[in-house]
Amino acid sequence: MSRVGSRELFAVHWTKAQPSLTAFLIASTPQFSDAEDLLQEVAAEIAQRFDDYDSSRPFLPWALWVAKIKVADFYRKKERRPVKFIGDSIEALSQACDRIQTIVSEEKWALEKCLTTLANRSRSLLHFRYYDDLTTEEIASKVGMKSGAVRTALTRIRTYLIDCMRSTLNEAASSHER
């Protein structure tokens, strides 16, 4: 792979993994500033080692492996504090971060699929509420509805989306079991 292609692939993987890595580091360190510093170290280490990454395998577990090493190094350097998270605790935490990332990705996929089934009016109401961050009163004046009707419509849309997502995720899980 070209150097530019490798950088682009790194950027895509890093962007997806960063929230889980951040959560892992925050949970593994005593102060937020420590987690921020470690995140920078993890990013630099992953960027340097990216050519060693096996792209046929998931990126997040590999990145968490690097983060676990950095956390262990952090506690070794902080001799004044006992190591509390080394071993099984850090492993369990990294596995939880990996599972959460998978769940979030699956839910995002299901939500995107369900959003495509909505009528244009429903998508517009969602756009006004969550993208433009308008109040129900502001939406009502924009679309010529009463604010109570907007609240009711948004509630029904959210309920539909939740049901649709559950159904979509259940169907996907059933098809994977076969």
C-alpha atoms as a PDB file:
ATOM      1  CA  MET A   1       0.000   0.000   0.000  1.00  0.00           C
ATOM      2  CA  SER A   2       1.242   3.484  -0.783  1.00  0.00           C
ATOM      3  CA  ARG A   3       2.275   5.820   2.011  1.00  0.00           C
ATOM      4  CA  VAL A   4      -0.691   8.115   1.266  1.00  0.00           C
ATOM      5  CA  GLY A   5      -3.094   5.151   1.242  1.00  0.00           C
ATOM      6  CA  SER A   6      -1.641   3.943   4.527  1.00  0.00           C
ATOM      7  CA  ARG A   7      -2.143   7.374   6.115  1.00  0.00           C
ATOM      8  CA  GLU A   8      -5.733   7.523   4.897  1.00  0.00           C
ATOM      9  CA  LEU A   9      -6.458   4.035   6.233  1.00  0.00           C
ATOM     10  CA  PHE A  10      -4.867   4.985   9.557  1.00  0.00           C
ATOM     11  CA  ALA A  11      -7.033   8.124   9.728  1.00  0.00           C
ATOM     12  CA  VAL A  12     -10.228   6.162   9.051  1.00  0.00           C
ATOM     13  CA  HIS A  13      -9.407   3.513  11.657  1.00  0.00           C
ATOM     14  CA  TRP A  14      -8.236   6.063  14.231  1.00  0.00           C
ATOM     15  CA  THR A  15     -11.383   8.172  13.867  1.00  0.00           C
ATOM     16  CA  LYS A  16     -13.597   5.148  14.541  1.00  0.00           C
ATOM     17  CA  ALA A  17     -11.507   3.803  17.421  1.00  0.00           C
ATOM     18  CA  GLN A  18     -10.665   7.045  19.236  1.00  0.00           C
ATOM     19  CA  PRO A  19     -13.864   7.274  21.365  1.00  0.00           C
ATOM     20  CA  SER A  20     -13.378   3.734  22.688  1.00  0.00           C
ATOM     21  CA  LEU A  21      -9.677   4.303  23.284  1.00  0.00           C
ATOM     22  CA  THR A  22     -10.436   7.532  25.116  1.00  0.00           C
ATOM     23  CA  ALA A  23     -13.010   5.796  27.321  1.00  0.00           C
ATOM     24  CA  PHE A  24     -10.561   3.000  28.063  1.00  0.00           C
ATOM     25  CA  LEU A  25      -7.800   5.429  29.009  1.00  0.00           C
ATOM     26  CA  ILE A  26     -10.088   7.575  31.182  1.00  0.00           C
ATOM     27  CA  ALA A  27     -11.240   4.475  33.039  1.00  0.00           C
ATOM     28  CA  SER A  28      -7.650   3.259  33.431  1.00  0.00           C
ATOM     29  CA  THR A  29      -6.040   6.408  34.807  1.00  0.00           C
ATOM     30  CA  PRO A  30      -6.557   8.518  37.920  1.00  0.00           C
ATOM     31  CA  GLN A  31      -6.928  11.882  36.171  1.00  0.00           C
ATOM     32  CA  PHE A  32      -8.418  13.059  32.903  1.00  0.00           C
ATOM     33  CA  SER A  33      -5.192  14.865  32.035  1.00  0.00           C
ATOM     34  CA  ASP A  34      -3.313  11.558  32.344  1.00  0.00           C
ATOM     35  CA  ALA A  35      -5.757   9.966  29.904  1.00  0.00           C
ATOM     36  CA  GLU A  36      -5.306  12.841  27.455  1.00  0.00           C
ATOM     37  CA  ASP A  37      -1.523  12.511  27.601  1.00  0.00           C
ATOM     38  CA  LEU A  38      -1.730   8.754  27.128  1.00  0.00           C
ATOM     39  CA  LEU A  39      -4.109   9.167  24.184  1.00  0.00           C
ATOM     40  CA  GLN A  40      -1.474  11.262  22.437  1.00  0.00           C
ATOM     41  CA  GLU A  41       1.163   8.642  23.187  1.00  0.00           C
ATOM     42  CA  VAL A  42      -1.108   5.866  21.910  1.00  0.00           C
ATOM     43  CA  ALA A  43      -1.816   7.807  18.720  1.00  0.00           C
ATOM     44  CA  ALA A  44       1.885   8.350  18.096  1.00  0.00           C
ATOM     45  CA  GLU A  45       2.723   4.698  18.809  1.00  0.00           C
ATOM     46  CA  ILE A  46      -0.061   3.415  16.565  1.00  0.00           C
ATOM     47  CA  ALA A  47       0.986   5.771  13.776  1.00  0.00           C
ATOM     48  CA  GLN A  48       4.572   4.513  14.039  1.00  0.00           C
ATOM     49  CA  ARG A  49       3.520   0.846  14.153  1.00  0.00           C
ATOM     50  CA  PHE A  50       0.693   1.086  11.608  1.00  0.00           C
ATOM     51  CA  ASP A  51       2.680  -0.825   8.982  1.00  0.00           C
ATOM     52  CA  ASP A  52       2.718  -3.771  11.431  1.00  0.00           C
ATOM     53  CA  TYR A  53      -1.097  -3.771  11.696  1.00  0.00           C
ATOM     54  CA  ASP A  54      -2.765  -6.758   9.980  1.00  0.00           C
ATOM     55  CA  SER A  55      -5.655  -5.157   8.075  1.00  0.00           C
ATOM     56  CA  SER A  56      -7.489  -8.502   7.869  1.00  0.00           C
ATOM     57  CA  ARG A  57      -8.147  -8.201  11.622  1.00  0.00           C
ATOM     58  CA  PRO A  58     -10.220  -5.614  13.532  1.00  0.00           C
ATOM     59  CA  PHE A  59      -8.349  -2.414  14.315  1.00  0.00           C
ATOM     60  CA  LEU A  60      -9.795  -1.608  17.755  1.00  0.00           C
ATOM     61  CA  PRO A  61      -8.464  -4.696  19.598  1.00  0.00           C
ATOM     62  CA  TRP A  62      -5.006  -4.020  18.145  1.00  0.00           C
ATOM     63  CA  ALA A  63      -5.198  -0.357  19.191  1.00  0.00           C
ATOM     64  CA  LEU A  64      -6.394  -1.375  22.667  1.00  0.00           C
ATOM     65  CA  TRP A  65      -3.385  -3.694  22.933  1.00  0.00           C
ATOM     66  CA  VAL A  66      -1.115  -0.697  22.308  1.00  0.00           C
ATOM     67  CA  ALA A  67      -3.123   1.355  24.833  1.00  0.00           C
ATOM     68  CA  LYS A  68      -2.794  -1.398  27.467  1.00  0.00           C
ATOM     69  CA  ILE A  69       0.980  -1.323  27.057  1.00  0.00           C
ATOM     70  CA  LYS A  70       0.977   2.462  27.461  1.00  0.00           C
ATOM     71  CA  VAL A  71      -1.187   2.220  30.608  1.00  0.00           C
ATOM     72  CA  ALA A  72       1.159  -0.395  32.097  1.00  0.00           C
ATOM     73  CA  ASP A  73       4.137   1.862  31.306  1.00  0.00           C
ATOM     74  CA  PHE A  74       2.304   4.811  32.870  1.00  0.00           C
ATOM     75  CA  TYR A  75       1.861   2.941  36.162  1.00  0.00           C
ATOM     76  CA  ARG A  76       5.430   1.632  36.128  1.00  0.00           C
ATOM     77  CA  LYS A  77       6.664   5.234  35.851  1.00  0.00           C
ATOM     78  CA  LYS A  78       4.354   6.344  38.678  1.00  0.00           C
ATOM     79  CA  GLU A  79       6.111   4.321  41.349  1.00  0.00           C
ATOM     80  CA  ARG A  80       4.464   6.360  44.083  1.00  0.00           C
ATOM     81  CA  ARG A  81       1.069   4.839  43.247  1.00  0.00           C
ATOM     82  CA  PRO A  82       0.262   1.152  43.430  1.00  0.00           C
ATOM     83  CA  VAL A  83      -0.766  -0.586  40.245  1.00  0.00           C
ATOM     84  CA  LYS A  84      -4.473  -1.341  40.564  1.00  0.00           C
ATOM     85  CA  PHE A  85      -5.595  -1.988  36.985  1.00  0.00           C
ATOM     86  CA  ILE A  86      -2.892  -4.260  35.617  1.00  0.00           C
ATOM     87  CA  GLY A  87      -3.727  -7.719  34.401  1.00  0.00           C
ATOM     88  CA  ASP A  88      -7.253  -9.056  34.267  1.00  0.00           C
ATOM     89  CA  SER A  89      -8.886  -5.705  35.085  1.00  0.00           C
ATOM     90  CA  ILE A  90      -7.316  -3.908  32.135  1.00  0.00           C
ATOM     91  CA  GLU A  91      -8.067  -6.853  29.854  1.00  0.00           C
ATOM     92  CA  ALA A  92     -11.731  -6.867  30.923  1.00  0.00           C
ATOM     93  CA  LEU A  93     -11.941  -3.114  30.410  1.00  0.00           C
ATOM     94  CA  SER A  94     -10.433  -3.284  26.920  1.00  0.00           C
ATOM     95  CA  GLN A  95     -12.806  -6.113  25.947  1.00  0.00           C
ATOM     96  CA  ALA A  96     -15.747  -4.040  27.167  1.00  0.00           C
ATOM     97  CA  CYS A  97     -14.593  -1.071  25.061  1.00  0.00           C
ATOM     98  CA  ASP A  98     -14.319  -3.352  22.037  1.00  0.00           C
ATOM     99  CA  ARG A  99     -17.841  -4.751  22.602  1.00  0.00           C
ATOM    100  CA  ILE A 100     -19.298  -1.275  23.051  1.00  0.00           C
ATOM    101  CA  GLN A 101     -17.691  -0.093  19.808  1.00  0.00           C
ATOM    102  CA  THR A 102     -19.226  -3.065  17.986  1.00  0.00           C
ATOM    103  CA  ILE A 103     -22.663  -2.413  19.474  1.00  0.00           C
ATOM    104  CA  VAL A 104     -22.506   1.290  18.610  1.00  0.00           C
ATOM    105  CA  SER A 105     -21.488   0.467  15.032  1.00  0.00           C
ATOM    106  CA  GLU A 106     -24.344  -2.015  14.656  1.00  0.00           C
ATOM    107  CA  GLU A 107     -26.862   0.417  16.135  1.00  0.00           C
ATOM    108  CA  LYS A 108     -25.637   3.211  13.854  1.00  0.00           C
ATOM    109  CA  TRP A 109     -26.060   0.922  10.842  1.00  0.00           C
ATOM    110  CA  ALA A 110     -29.603  -0.013  11.950  1.00  0.00           C
ATOM    111  CA  LEU A 111     -30.534   3.622  12.579  1.00  0.00           C
ATOM    112  CA  GLU A 112     -29.267   4.703   9.160  1.00  0.00           C
ATOM    113  CA  LYS A 113     -31.252   1.880   7.545  1.00  0.00           C
ATOM    114  CA  CYS A 114     -34.418   2.819   9.457  1.00  0.00           C
ATOM    115  CA  LEU A 115     -34.058   6.524   8.676  1.00  0.00           C
ATOM    116  CA  THR A 116     -34.281   5.715   4.969  1.00  0.00           C
ATOM    117  CA  THR A 117     -37.760   4.255   5.525  1.00  0.00           C
ATOM    118  CA  LEU A 118     -39.168   7.481   6.973  1.00  0.00           C
ATOM    119  CA  ALA A 119     -41.378   9.822   5.015  1.00  0.00           C
ATOM    120  CA  ASN A 120     -39.803  13.119   3.980  1.00  0.00           C
ATOM    121  CA  ARG A 121     -41.907  15.052   6.516  1.00  0.00           C
ATOM    122  CA  SER A 122     -40.665  12.868   9.357  1.00  0.00           C
ATOM    123  CA  ARG A 123     -37.057  13.227   8.236  1.00  0.00           C
ATOM    124  CA  SER A 124     -37.544  17.004   8.067  1.00  0.00           C
ATOM    125  CA  LEU A 125     -38.884  17.130  11.610  1.00  0.00           C
ATOM    126  CA  LEU A 126     -35.912  15.098  12.859  1.00  0.00           C
ATOM    127  CA  HIS A 127     -33.522  17.315  10.919  1.00  0.00           C
ATOM    128  CA  PHE A 128     -34.997  20.474  12.439  1.00  0.00           C
ATOM    129  CA  ARG A 129     -34.932  19.001  15.953  1.00  0.00           C
ATOM    130  CA  TYR A 130     -31.569  17.210  16.035  1.00  0.00           C
ATOM    131  CA  TYR A 131     -29.456  18.768  13.293  1.00  0.00           C
ATOM    132  CA  ASP A 132     -30.643  22.380  13.498  1.00  0.00           C
ATOM    133  CA  ASP A 133     -31.325  21.985  17.259  1.00  0.00           C
ATOM    134  CA  LEU A 134     -34.649  23.833  17.050  1.00  0.00           C
ATOM    135  CA  THR A 135     -37.239  23.722  19.823  1.00  0.00           C
ATOM    136  CA  THR A 136     -40.646  22.218  19.122  1.00  0.00           C
ATOM    137  CA  GLU A 137     -42.087  25.733  19.083  1.00  0.00           C
ATOM    138  CA  GLU A 138     -39.567  26.854  16.444  1.00  0.00           C
ATOM    139  CA  ILE A 139     -40.260  23.755  14.348  1.00  0.00           C
ATOM    140  CA  ALA A 140     -43.998  24.320  14.644  1.00  0.00           C
ATOM    141  CA  SER A 141     -43.738  27.841  13.283  1.00  0.00           C
ATOM    142  CA  LYS A 142     -41.486  26.629  10.434  1.00  0.00           C
ATOM    143  CA  VAL A 143     -43.787  23.831   9.279  1.00  0.00           C
ATOM    144  CA  GLY A 144     -47.172  25.310  10.169  1.00  0.00           C
ATOM    145  CA  MET A 145     -48.057  22.907  12.970  1.00  0.00           C
ATOM    146  CA  LYS A 146     -48.905  23.367  16.621  1.00  0.00           C
ATOM    147  CA  SER A 147     -46.022  22.680  19.005  1.00  0.00           C
ATOM    148  CA  GLY A 148     -48.009  19.875  20.679  1.00  0.00           C
ATOM    149  CA  ALA A 149     -48.452  18.206  17.294  1.00  0.00           C
ATOM    150  CA  VAL A 150     -44.707  18.485  16.662  1.00  0.00           C
ATOM    151  CA  ARG A 151     -43.953  16.883  20.060  1.00  0.00           C
ATOM    152  CA  THR A 152     -46.408  14.075  19.325  1.00  0.00           C
ATOM    153  CA  ALA A 153     -44.976  13.525  15.843  1.00  0.00           C
ATOM    154  CA  LEU A 154     -41.398  13.430  17.165  1.00  0.00           C
ATOM    155  CA  THR A 155     -42.410  10.962  19.889  1.00  0.00           C
ATOM    156  CA  ARG A 156     -44.045   8.699  17.309  1.00  0.00           C
ATOM    157  CA  ILE A 157     -41.034   8.957  14.988  1.00  0.00           C
ATOM    158  CA  ARG A 158     -38.621   8.074  17.819  1.00  0.00           C
ATOM    159  CA  THR A 159     -40.823   5.134  18.851  1.00  0.00           C
ATOM    160  CA  TYR A 160     -40.935   3.917  15.263  1.00  0.00           C
ATOM    161  CA  LEU A 161     -37.160   4.229  14.932  1.00  0.00           C
ATOM    162  CA  ILE A 162     -36.560   2.296  18.157  1.00  0.00           C
ATOM    163  CA  ASP A 163     -38.893  -0.501  17.026  1.00  0.00           C
ATOM    164  CA  CYS A 164     -37.392  -0.514  13.539  1.00  0.00           C
ATOM    165  CA  MET A 165     -33.845  -0.663  14.904  1.00  0.00           C
ATOM    166  CA  ARG A 166     -34.702  -3.552  17.242  1.00  0.00           C
ATOM    167  CA  SER A 167     -36.308  -5.438  14.388  1.00  0.00           C
ATOM    168  CA  THR A 168     -33.412  -4.729  12.034  1.00  0.00           C
ATOM    169  CA  LEU A 169     -30.825  -5.811  14.605  1.00  0.00           C
ATOM    170  CA  ASN A 170     -32.809  -8.966  15.444  1.00  0.00           C
ATOM    171  CA  GLU A 171     -33.095  -9.857  11.753  1.00  0.00           C
ATOM    172  CA  ALA A 172     -29.364  -9.319  11.275  1.00  0.00           C
ATOM    173  CA  ALA A 173     -28.578 -11.475  14.314  1.00  0.00           C
ATOM    174  CA  SER A 174     -30.908 -14.217  13.078  1.00  0.00           C
ATOM    175  CA  SER A 175     -29.333 -14.250   9.644  1.00  0.00           C
ATOM    176  CA  HIS A 176     -25.844 -14.531  11.212  1.00  0.00           C
ATOM    177  CA  GLU A 177     -26.920 -17.508  13.332  1.00  0.00           C
ATOM    178  CA  ARG A 178     -27.923 -19.533  10.292  1.00  0.00           C
END
